[in-house]
N, C-alpha and C. Protein backbone atom coordinates (compact mmCIF):
# COMPACT_ATOMS: atom_id res chain seq x y z
N MET A 1 133.15 112.85 90.80
CA MET A 1 132.95 112.67 91.58
C MET A 1 132.90 111.42 92.50
N SER A 2 134.03 111.13 93.12
CA SER A 2 133.91 109.55 94.10
C SER A 2 132.52 109.69 94.74
N LYS A 3 132.95 108.01 94.76
CA LYS A 3 131.44 107.46 96.14
C LYS A 3 131.64 108.25 97.68
N GLN A 4 133.34 108.98 97.63
CA GLN A 4 133.43 109.27 98.97
C GLN A 4 133.19 109.95 99.73
N ARG A 5 133.69 111.42 98.08
CA ARG A 5 132.36 112.99 98.10
C ARG A 5 131.31 113.12 98.53
N ILE A 6 130.60 112.31 97.49
CA ILE A 6 128.48 111.37 97.06
C ILE A 6 128.78 111.53 98.69
N VAL A 7 129.23 110.31 99.36
CA VAL A 7 128.33 110.30 100.88
C VAL A 7 128.71 110.99 101.68
N ALA A 8 130.96 111.89 101.26
CA ALA A 8 130.13 112.79 102.30
C ALA A 8 129.33 113.77 101.77
N PHE A 9 128.74 114.88 100.93
CA PHE A 9 128.42 115.88 101.02
C PHE A 9 126.65 115.04 101.72
N LEU A 10 126.16 113.94 101.40
CA LEU A 10 125.04 113.18 101.55
C LEU A 10 125.32 113.82 102.85
N LEU A 11 125.56 113.18 103.74
CA LEU A 11 126.44 113.51 105.16
C LEU A 11 125.71 114.79 105.40
N ILE A 12 126.57 115.76 104.81
CA ILE A 12 126.64 116.79 105.24
C ILE A 12 125.46 117.76 105.27
N LEU A 13 124.51 116.89 104.08
CA LEU A 13 123.23 117.64 103.51
C LEU A 13 122.72 117.04 105.08
N CYS A 14 122.37 115.97 104.64
CA CYS A 14 121.17 115.18 106.84
C CYS A 14 121.81 116.18 107.37
N LEU A 15 122.24 116.03 107.37
CA LEU A 15 123.01 117.46 109.23
C LEU A 15 122.60 118.60 109.23
N SER A 16 123.04 118.90 107.87
CA SER A 16 122.45 121.09 108.08
C SER A 16 120.74 120.69 108.15
N SER A 17 120.28 120.18 106.96
CA SER A 17 119.08 120.54 107.41
C SER A 17 118.69 119.15 108.29
N ALA A 18 118.25 119.31 109.80
CA ALA A 18 118.21 119.12 110.31
C ALA A 18 118.31 119.57 111.66
N PHE A 19 119.21 120.39 111.38
CA PHE A 19 120.02 121.55 112.08
C PHE A 19 119.42 123.26 111.84
N MET A 20 118.77 122.78 110.36
CA MET A 20 117.18 124.36 109.52
C MET A 20 116.65 124.34 109.81
N VAL A 21 115.73 122.98 110.20
CA VAL A 21 114.36 122.74 110.82
C VAL A 21 113.87 122.38 112.43
N PRO A 22 114.09 122.59 112.29
CA PRO A 22 114.07 121.55 114.14
C PRO A 22 113.34 122.12 114.61
N ASN A 23 112.00 122.44 114.45
CA ASN A 23 110.66 121.97 115.23
C ASN A 23 109.93 121.01 113.98
N VAL A 24 110.06 120.39 113.24
CA VAL A 24 108.86 120.28 112.01
C VAL A 24 109.33 118.52 112.63
N GLN A 25 108.08 117.97 112.66
CA GLN A 25 108.10 116.62 113.15
C GLN A 25 108.38 115.30 111.96
N ALA A 26 109.00 114.38 112.24
CA ALA A 26 110.11 113.71 110.85
C ALA A 26 109.19 112.49 111.97
N GLY A 27 109.09 111.33 110.48
CA GLY A 27 108.22 110.06 111.30
C GLY A 27 109.43 109.57 111.51
N VAL A 28 110.63 109.55 110.53
CA VAL A 28 112.06 109.85 110.43
C VAL A 28 113.06 109.88 111.59
N ASN A 29 114.12 109.07 112.06
CA ASN A 29 114.89 109.71 113.09
C ASN A 29 116.40 109.61 112.44
N LEU A 30 116.70 110.64 113.03
CA LEU A 30 118.28 111.17 111.79
C LEU A 30 119.52 109.44 111.44
N GLY A 31 119.64 110.43 113.52
CA GLY A 31 120.26 108.34 113.70
C GLY A 31 120.26 107.15 113.47
N ASP A 32 119.46 107.22 112.89
CA ASP A 32 118.55 105.76 112.65
C ASP A 32 119.01 105.41 111.05
N VAL A 33 118.36 106.90 109.99
CA VAL A 33 119.28 106.91 109.33
C VAL A 33 120.55 106.54 108.84
N LEU A 34 121.20 107.67 110.11
CA LEU A 34 123.27 107.54 109.41
C LEU A 34 123.58 105.87 110.28
N LYS A 35 122.14 105.94 111.13
CA LYS A 35 123.41 103.59 111.32
C LYS A 35 122.59 103.55 109.98
N VAL A 36 122.14 103.14 109.21
CA VAL A 36 121.24 101.54 108.02
C VAL A 36 122.97 102.46 106.83
N TYR A 37 122.98 103.34 106.99
CA TYR A 37 123.45 104.12 105.96
C TYR A 37 125.11 103.55 106.48
N GLY A 38 125.51 103.99 106.97
CA GLY A 38 127.35 103.87 107.71
C GLY A 38 127.13 102.47 107.57
N ILE A 39 125.46 101.79 108.11
CA ILE A 39 126.45 99.58 107.86
C ILE A 39 126.45 99.60 106.47
N GLY A 40 125.49 99.79 105.69
CA GLY A 40 125.65 99.48 104.57
C GLY A 40 126.56 100.41 103.56
N MET A 41 127.95 101.03 104.26
CA MET A 41 128.97 101.08 103.64
C MET A 41 129.73 100.41 104.40
N LEU A 42 129.99 100.30 106.11
CA LEU A 42 131.03 99.46 106.51
C LEU A 42 130.44 97.70 105.35
N VAL A 43 129.86 97.60 105.06
CA VAL A 43 129.39 96.46 104.69
C VAL A 43 129.96 96.48 102.98
N ASP A 44 129.91 97.46 102.75
CA ASP A 44 130.18 97.16 101.10
C ASP A 44 132.24 97.09 101.61
N ARG A 45 132.45 98.23 102.43
CA ARG A 45 133.83 98.29 102.65
C ARG A 45 133.88 97.26 103.22
N PHE A 46 134.01 96.51 103.96
CA PHE A 46 134.51 95.46 104.66
C PHE A 46 134.53 94.08 104.33
N ALA A 47 133.38 93.88 103.16
CA ALA A 47 132.93 92.89 103.09
C ALA A 47 134.10 91.36 102.49
N GLY A 48 135.01 91.99 101.97
CA GLY A 48 135.72 91.60 101.35
C GLY A 48 136.57 90.58 102.93
N PRO A 49 137.48 91.50 103.31
CA PRO A 49 137.90 90.97 103.96
C PRO A 49 137.21 90.78 105.26
N LEU A 50 136.26 91.24 105.71
CA LEU A 50 135.07 89.90 106.66
C LEU A 50 135.55 89.39 106.38
N ASN A 51 134.38 88.53 105.13
CA ASN A 51 134.84 86.98 104.22
C ASN A 51 135.94 86.54 104.58
N SER A 52 136.98 86.93 104.33
CA SER A 52 138.67 85.70 104.48
C SER A 52 138.79 86.20 106.40
N PHE A 53 138.38 86.65 106.18
CA PHE A 53 138.68 87.06 108.50
C PHE A 53 137.85 85.89 108.60
N ILE A 54 136.50 85.53 108.05
CA ILE A 54 135.65 84.31 109.16
C ILE A 54 136.24 83.13 109.01
N ASN A 55 136.82 83.23 107.10
CA ASN A 55 136.95 81.02 106.91
C ASN A 55 139.02 80.95 106.91
N LYS A 56 139.61 82.07 107.90
CA LYS A 56 140.93 81.94 108.97
C LYS A 56 140.00 81.27 109.49
N LEU A 57 139.62 81.76 110.14
CA LEU A 57 138.60 81.62 111.64
C LEU A 57 138.19 80.29 111.77
N THR A 58 137.35 79.86 111.09
CA THR A 58 136.86 78.92 111.16
C THR A 58 137.80 77.55 110.76
N GLY A 59 138.42 77.79 109.38
CA GLY A 59 138.89 77.37 109.63
C GLY A 59 140.77 76.26 110.34
N ASN A 60 140.84 77.44 111.26
CA ASN A 60 141.63 77.41 111.83
C ASN A 60 140.36 76.23 112.67
N ASN A 61 139.91 75.95 113.17
CA ASN A 61 139.30 75.43 113.99
C ASN A 61 138.19 74.36 113.55
N ASN A 62 138.86 73.46 112.60
CA ASN A 62 138.60 72.67 112.14
C ASN A 62 136.79 72.81 111.22
N VAL A 63 135.93 73.76 111.45
CA VAL A 63 134.89 74.48 111.07
C VAL A 63 134.63 74.45 109.11
N ALA A 64 136.22 74.70 108.43
CA ALA A 64 136.09 75.03 106.81
C ALA A 64 135.01 75.25 106.54
N THR A 65 134.49 76.22 105.73
CA THR A 65 133.40 75.14 104.40
C THR A 65 134.14 74.64 103.24
N VAL A 66 133.68 73.96 101.90
CA VAL A 66 134.30 74.05 101.08
C VAL A 66 133.90 74.07 99.44
N SER A 67 132.37 74.69 100.41
CA SER A 67 131.77 75.79 99.48
C SER A 67 132.29 77.25 98.91
N ALA A 68 131.50 77.89 98.69
CA ALA A 68 132.44 79.17 98.65
C ALA A 68 131.47 80.20 99.98
N THR A 69 132.15 81.44 99.77
CA THR A 69 131.58 81.91 100.58
C THR A 69 131.17 83.65 100.44
N LYS A 70 131.01 84.38 101.50
CA LYS A 70 130.52 85.53 100.28
C LYS A 70 129.84 86.62 101.71
N VAL A 71 129.75 87.37 102.36
CA VAL A 71 129.60 88.72 103.07
C VAL A 71 128.21 89.37 101.68
N VAL A 72 127.39 89.79 102.69
CA VAL A 72 126.19 90.50 102.41
C VAL A 72 125.62 91.16 103.32
N PRO A 73 124.98 91.76 103.14
CA PRO A 73 124.22 92.68 104.17
C PRO A 73 122.85 92.40 104.95
N ILE A 74 122.48 92.04 106.07
CA ILE A 74 121.06 92.15 105.86
C ILE A 74 120.07 93.20 106.55
N VAL A 75 118.92 92.49 105.82
CA VAL A 75 117.68 93.72 105.64
C VAL A 75 116.95 93.26 106.20
N SER A 76 115.78 94.43 106.61
CA SER A 76 114.26 93.65 107.61
C SER A 76 113.70 94.00 106.00
N PHE A 77 113.11 92.80 106.52
CA PHE A 77 111.97 93.26 105.37
C PHE A 77 110.67 94.14 105.68
N GLY A 78 110.14 94.43 104.96
CA GLY A 78 109.10 95.50 105.91
C GLY A 78 109.40 97.14 106.16
N ARG A 79 110.88 96.93 106.38
CA ARG A 79 111.65 98.32 105.80
C ARG A 79 112.63 98.38 104.64
N GLY A 80 113.22 97.33 104.87
CA GLY A 80 114.10 97.40 103.65
C GLY A 80 115.51 98.08 103.94
N THR A 81 115.65 98.14 105.53
CA THR A 81 117.22 98.48 106.01
C THR A 81 117.94 98.17 106.30
N TYR A 82 118.68 98.88 106.78
CA TYR A 82 120.50 97.34 106.68
C TYR A 82 120.35 97.31 108.45
N ILE A 83 120.87 96.28 108.73
CA ILE A 83 120.48 96.52 110.08
C ILE A 83 121.78 95.08 110.40
N GLY A 84 122.80 95.44 109.55
CA GLY A 84 123.53 94.51 110.64
C GLY A 84 124.02 93.49 108.80
N ALA A 85 125.36 92.74 109.08
CA ALA A 85 125.39 91.65 107.76
C ALA A 85 125.72 89.97 108.33
N VAL A 86 126.15 88.81 107.19
CA VAL A 86 126.16 87.87 107.71
C VAL A 86 127.37 87.04 106.42
N GLN A 87 127.61 86.21 106.59
CA GLN A 87 128.15 85.61 105.28
C GLN A 87 127.88 84.32 104.89
N VAL A 88 127.41 84.11 103.65
CA VAL A 88 126.94 83.25 103.25
C VAL A 88 127.81 81.99 103.04
N THR A 89 127.28 81.13 102.47
CA THR A 89 127.92 79.68 102.08
C THR A 89 127.34 79.08 101.68
N GLY A 90 127.76 78.80 100.20
CA GLY A 90 127.02 77.44 98.84
C GLY A 90 127.97 77.56 97.66
N PRO A 91 126.77 77.34 96.72
CA PRO A 91 127.90 76.86 95.69
C PRO A 91 128.05 77.81 95.26
N GLU A 92 129.88 77.61 94.40
CA GLU A 92 129.88 79.11 93.86
C GLU A 92 129.34 79.50 92.79
N GLY A 93 128.58 78.77 92.15
CA GLY A 93 127.99 79.81 90.64
C GLY A 93 126.43 80.02 91.01
N VAL A 94 126.08 79.62 92.97
CA VAL A 94 125.13 80.04 93.22
C VAL A 94 125.07 81.31 94.16
N ILE A 95 126.29 81.53 94.58
CA ILE A 95 126.90 82.46 95.48
C ILE A 95 127.25 83.68 95.14
N ASP A 96 127.30 84.06 93.99
CA ASP A 96 127.03 85.32 93.20
C ASP A 96 125.80 84.94 93.02
N GLU A 97 124.97 84.99 93.27
CA GLU A 97 123.18 85.76 93.16
C GLU A 97 122.11 86.07 94.05
N VAL A 98 123.17 86.26 96.06
CA VAL A 98 122.87 86.51 96.98
C VAL A 98 123.96 87.61 96.92
N LYS A 99 122.30 89.24 97.27
CA LYS A 99 123.07 90.42 97.62
C LYS A 99 122.73 90.19 98.84
N ALA A 100 121.70 89.48 99.77
CA ALA A 100 121.50 90.74 100.30
C ALA A 100 120.61 89.22 101.40
N VAL A 101 120.59 88.89 103.00
CA VAL A 101 120.08 88.45 103.96
C VAL A 101 118.90 89.11 103.92
N GLY A 102 117.72 88.46 104.15
CA GLY A 102 116.43 89.37 104.76
C GLY A 102 116.23 88.02 105.87
N GLN A 103 115.93 88.98 106.96
CA GLN A 103 115.16 88.45 107.87
C GLN A 103 113.94 88.64 108.41
N LEU A 104 113.59 88.09 108.37
CA LEU A 104 111.40 88.06 109.33
C LEU A 104 111.71 87.59 110.40
N GLU A 105 110.79 88.49 111.42
CA GLU A 105 110.56 87.92 113.07
C GLU A 105 109.11 87.96 113.06
N GLY A 106 109.10 86.53 114.60
CA GLY A 106 108.64 86.10 115.01
C GLY A 106 107.79 85.39 115.93
N GLU A 107 106.54 85.03 116.46
CA GLU A 107 106.74 85.31 118.14
C GLU A 107 105.94 83.50 117.89
N PHE A 108 106.22 82.82 118.53
CA PHE A 108 105.79 81.52 118.66
C PHE A 108 105.95 81.66 120.06
N ASN A 109 104.36 80.46 119.99
CA ASN A 109 103.46 79.83 121.52
C ASN A 109 103.73 81.65 122.04
N GLY A 110 102.79 82.34 121.57
CA GLY A 110 102.68 83.31 122.90
C GLY A 110 104.22 84.31 122.49
N ARG A 111 104.61 84.69 123.74
CA ARG A 111 106.30 85.11 124.18
C ARG A 111 107.22 84.26 123.93
N GLN A 112 106.64 82.95 123.99
CA GLN A 112 107.87 82.31 124.89
C GLN A 112 109.23 82.48 124.15
N PHE A 113 109.34 82.07 123.02
CA PHE A 113 110.06 81.77 121.90
C PHE A 113 110.07 83.05 120.24
N ARG A 114 110.73 83.92 120.30
CA ARG A 114 111.57 84.45 119.24
C ARG A 114 111.92 84.13 118.06
N ILE A 115 111.42 84.46 116.92
CA ILE A 115 111.99 83.66 116.53
C ILE A 115 112.56 84.84 114.74
N LYS A 116 113.90 84.41 114.76
CA LYS A 116 114.40 85.43 113.04
C LYS A 116 115.36 84.14 112.42
N ALA A 117 114.52 85.25 111.63
CA ALA A 117 114.39 83.76 110.09
C ALA A 117 115.37 84.85 109.57
N LEU A 118 116.60 83.86 108.71
CA LEU A 118 117.66 84.80 108.11
C LEU A 118 117.36 84.00 106.55
N ILE A 119 116.95 84.76 105.22
CA ILE A 119 116.51 84.69 104.03
C ILE A 119 117.78 84.82 102.68
N PRO A 120 118.39 83.79 102.25
CA PRO A 120 119.11 84.44 101.73
C PRO A 120 118.38 84.98 100.09
N ILE A 121 118.31 86.43 99.73
CA ILE A 121 117.88 87.15 98.29
C ILE A 121 118.87 87.29 97.70
N ASN A 122 118.09 87.82 96.09
CA ASN A 122 118.56 88.16 94.99
C ASN A 122 118.36 90.08 94.96
N SER A 123 118.29 90.77 96.13
CA SER A 123 117.72 91.85 95.84
C SER A 123 118.49 92.26 96.61
N THR A 124 119.11 93.67 97.34
CA THR A 124 118.90 94.38 98.92
C THR A 124 117.62 94.98 99.28
N ASN A 125 116.98 95.40 98.01
CA ASN A 125 115.22 95.21 98.51
C ASN A 125 114.41 93.91 98.44
N PRO A 126 114.01 94.07 100.09
CA PRO A 126 113.42 93.05 100.05
C PRO A 126 112.02 92.56 99.58
N LEU A 127 111.44 94.06 99.22
CA LEU A 127 110.08 93.83 98.32
C LEU A 127 110.71 93.34 96.71
N GLY A 128 110.21 91.88 95.97
CA GLY A 128 110.32 91.93 95.21
C GLY A 128 111.59 90.97 95.27
N ALA A 129 112.41 90.17 96.31
CA ALA A 129 113.33 89.04 95.69
C ALA A 129 112.61 87.99 96.07
N HIS A 130 114.15 87.32 95.42
CA HIS A 130 113.25 86.07 95.57
C HIS A 130 114.72 85.12 96.45
N ARG A 131 113.91 84.15 96.81
CA ARG A 131 115.29 82.95 97.67
C ARG A 131 116.18 82.41 96.67
N VAL A 132 117.71 82.73 97.08
CA VAL A 132 117.96 82.35 96.68
C VAL A 132 118.12 80.66 97.50
N GLU A 133 117.91 79.60 96.70
CA GLU A 133 118.17 78.09 96.83
C GLU A 133 119.33 77.60 97.22
N GLY A 134 119.81 76.96 98.54
CA GLY A 134 121.18 77.00 98.28
C GLY A 134 122.06 77.05 99.05
N VAL A 135 121.68 77.85 99.79
CA VAL A 135 122.89 79.01 100.48
C VAL A 135 121.78 79.06 101.37
N GLY A 136 123.70 78.75 101.77
CA GLY A 136 122.64 79.17 104.02
C GLY A 136 123.70 80.30 104.97
N VAL A 137 123.56 80.42 105.98
CA VAL A 137 123.92 81.74 106.43
C VAL A 137 125.09 81.14 107.32
N SER A 138 126.43 81.44 106.67
CA SER A 138 127.19 81.14 107.93
C SER A 138 127.59 81.31 109.45
N ALA A 139 127.22 82.44 108.69
CA ALA A 139 128.01 83.56 110.26
C ALA A 139 127.40 84.75 110.43
N ILE A 140 127.25 85.31 111.40
CA ILE A 140 126.37 86.79 111.37
C ILE A 140 127.53 88.00 111.87
N ILE A 141 127.05 88.51 111.77
CA ILE A 141 128.63 89.04 112.19
C ILE A 141 127.89 91.13 113.09
N ASP A 142 127.23 90.76 113.21
CA ASP A 142 127.28 92.36 114.81
C ASP A 142 128.32 93.45 114.13
N ILE A 143 127.36 94.23 113.74
CA ILE A 143 127.73 96.15 113.86
C ILE A 143 127.90 97.11 114.38
N ASP A 144 128.96 97.63 115.16
CA ASP A 144 128.68 98.42 116.45
C ASP A 144 129.01 99.85 116.33
N VAL A 145 127.73 100.59 115.20
CA VAL A 145 128.05 101.94 114.79
C VAL A 145 126.63 103.12 115.93
């Protein structure tokens, strides 16, 4: 069974179960679940073309990188959900270790500053993942789903 058929089956199953059990109070919003999986599928499918596009875009503006680059999902620490994508850059041998970028959020000085830290990690599951040293974020990709 192909990956596309499996995904289609799971989506149909999720949607049909949502209509069959309308009175159940769940802590999960079906729309949010579909967005998470949709973002994951989009990042997987378009990572290569997005990476090439960003490299061409920045190369044409004299800000090209001489390091290796790769597009990976952003995952939220604490929830482990896909929330976007980024391009990471670093030495070619190290860039292959990066599977995702974890996002941490915090407030500084009360609510005056909101901080989002993006940390290259070696797993798409932020729990137990480790930072990949020598790799940085070179582009943030907004996904409209």
